[in-house]
Amino acid sequence: MREEMKKSLTNKMTENLVVLRAKMDMTQAELADLIGTSRQTILSLEKKQRPMTWTTFLALLFVFRTNENTCDLLEMLGIYTDQLKDYLSK
């Protein structure tokens, strides 16, 4: 996957992180614990004070894809695209 596409997807995840987390009714600390990072990292991402890494994106994608409240939302927000599906299936 091209770096431009990765950057676009991580930016979209960053832009929608607060909404996705709220849909799961999770605190920053709960989400951070779930993906193995700190609450401060989640806070920094939500405030757009740090860029999201591809690894963090994939961890969040897994969490949000496996939740019934956020699964469909990822596609509607343009985060879980056909191109990403193809990339992940290889």
Protein backbone atom coordinates (compact mmCIF):
# COMPACT_ATOMS: atom_id res chain seq x y z
CA MET A 1 0.00 0.00 0.00
CA ARG A 2 1.32 3.40 -0.94
CA GLU A 3 2.45 5.76 1.80
CA GLU A 4 -0.01 8.43 0.60
CA MET A 5 -2.90 6.00 1.09
CA LYS A 6 -1.67 5.02 4.55
CA LYS A 7 -1.42 8.69 5.51
CA SER A 8 -4.92 9.37 4.20
CA LEU A 9 -6.39 6.45 6.16
CA THR A 10 -4.57 7.31 9.38
CA ASN A 11 -5.73 10.92 9.02
CA LYS A 12 -9.35 9.79 8.59
CA MET A 13 -9.06 7.57 11.67
CA THR A 14 -7.59 10.47 13.64
CA GLU A 15 -10.40 12.80 12.52
CA ASN A 16 -13.04 10.31 13.66
CA LEU A 17 -11.38 8.76 16.70
CA VAL A 18 -13.50 10.63 19.27
CA VAL A 19 -16.73 9.60 17.54
CA LEU A 20 -15.68 5.97 17.13
CA ARG A 21 -14.57 5.72 20.75
CA ALA A 22 -17.83 7.32 21.92
CA LYS A 23 -19.85 4.84 19.84
CA MET A 24 -18.14 2.07 21.82
CA ASP A 25 -18.83 3.96 25.07
CA MET A 26 -15.15 3.70 26.03
CA THR A 27 -12.86 6.02 27.91
CA GLN A 28 -9.49 6.97 26.49
CA ALA A 29 -7.86 4.76 29.13
CA GLU A 30 -10.02 1.75 28.21
CA LEU A 31 -9.26 2.10 24.51
CA ALA A 32 -5.56 2.62 25.21
CA ASP A 33 -5.46 -0.52 27.36
CA LEU A 34 -7.23 -2.50 24.65
CA ILE A 35 -4.64 -1.63 21.98
CA GLY A 36 -1.62 -1.65 24.28
CA THR A 37 -0.79 2.03 24.46
CA SER A 38 -1.21 4.84 26.97
CA ARG A 39 -4.17 7.11 27.63
CA GLN A 40 -1.83 10.00 26.84
CA THR A 41 -1.27 8.58 23.35
CA ILE A 42 -5.02 8.42 22.70
CA LEU A 43 -5.42 11.95 24.07
CA SER A 44 -2.61 13.23 21.83
CA LEU A 45 -4.16 11.56 18.80
CA GLU A 46 -7.62 12.95 19.53
CA LYS A 47 -6.19 16.46 19.97
CA LYS A 48 -4.17 15.98 16.76
CA GLN A 49 -0.95 16.69 18.66
CA ARG A 50 0.79 13.63 17.21
CA PRO A 51 0.43 11.73 13.96
CA MET A 52 -1.07 8.26 14.11
CA THR A 53 1.30 5.44 13.27
CA TRP A 54 0.29 2.68 10.88
CA THR A 55 0.59 0.16 13.72
CA THR A 56 -1.80 2.16 15.90
CA PHE A 57 -4.16 2.52 12.95
CA LEU A 58 -4.23 -1.25 12.44
CA ALA A 59 -4.82 -1.88 16.15
CA LEU A 60 -7.70 0.60 16.21
CA LEU A 61 -9.09 -0.82 12.98
CA PHE A 62 -9.20 -4.29 14.53
CA VAL A 63 -11.01 -2.98 17.63
CA PHE A 64 -13.54 -0.93 15.67
CA ARG A 65 -14.14 -3.62 13.02
CA THR A 66 -15.03 -6.19 15.69
CA ASN A 67 -17.58 -3.93 17.41
CA GLU A 68 -21.15 -3.87 16.12
CA ASN A 69 -21.53 -0.16 16.95
CA THR A 70 -18.55 0.94 14.86
CA CYS A 71 -18.07 -1.73 12.18
CA ASP A 72 -20.33 -0.19 9.52
CA LEU A 73 -19.31 3.32 10.49
CA LEU A 74 -15.73 2.65 9.37
CA GLU A 75 -16.92 2.08 5.81
CA MET A 76 -19.23 5.10 5.86
CA LEU A 77 -16.37 7.31 7.04
CA GLY A 78 -14.08 6.03 4.28
CA ILE A 79 -11.66 4.37 6.70
CA TYR A 80 -12.27 0.72 5.82
CA THR A 81 -12.05 0.94 2.04
CA ASP A 82 -12.03 -1.73 -0.66
CA GLN A 83 -8.36 -0.97 -1.27
CA LEU A 84 -7.59 -1.53 2.43
CA LYS A 85 -9.59 -4.77 2.43
CA ASP A 86 -7.52 -6.01 -0.52
CA TYR A 87 -4.27 -4.98 1.16
CA LEU A 88 -5.15 -6.73 4.41
CA SER A 89 -6.24 -9.92 2.68
CA LYS A 90 -2.81 -10.46 1.09
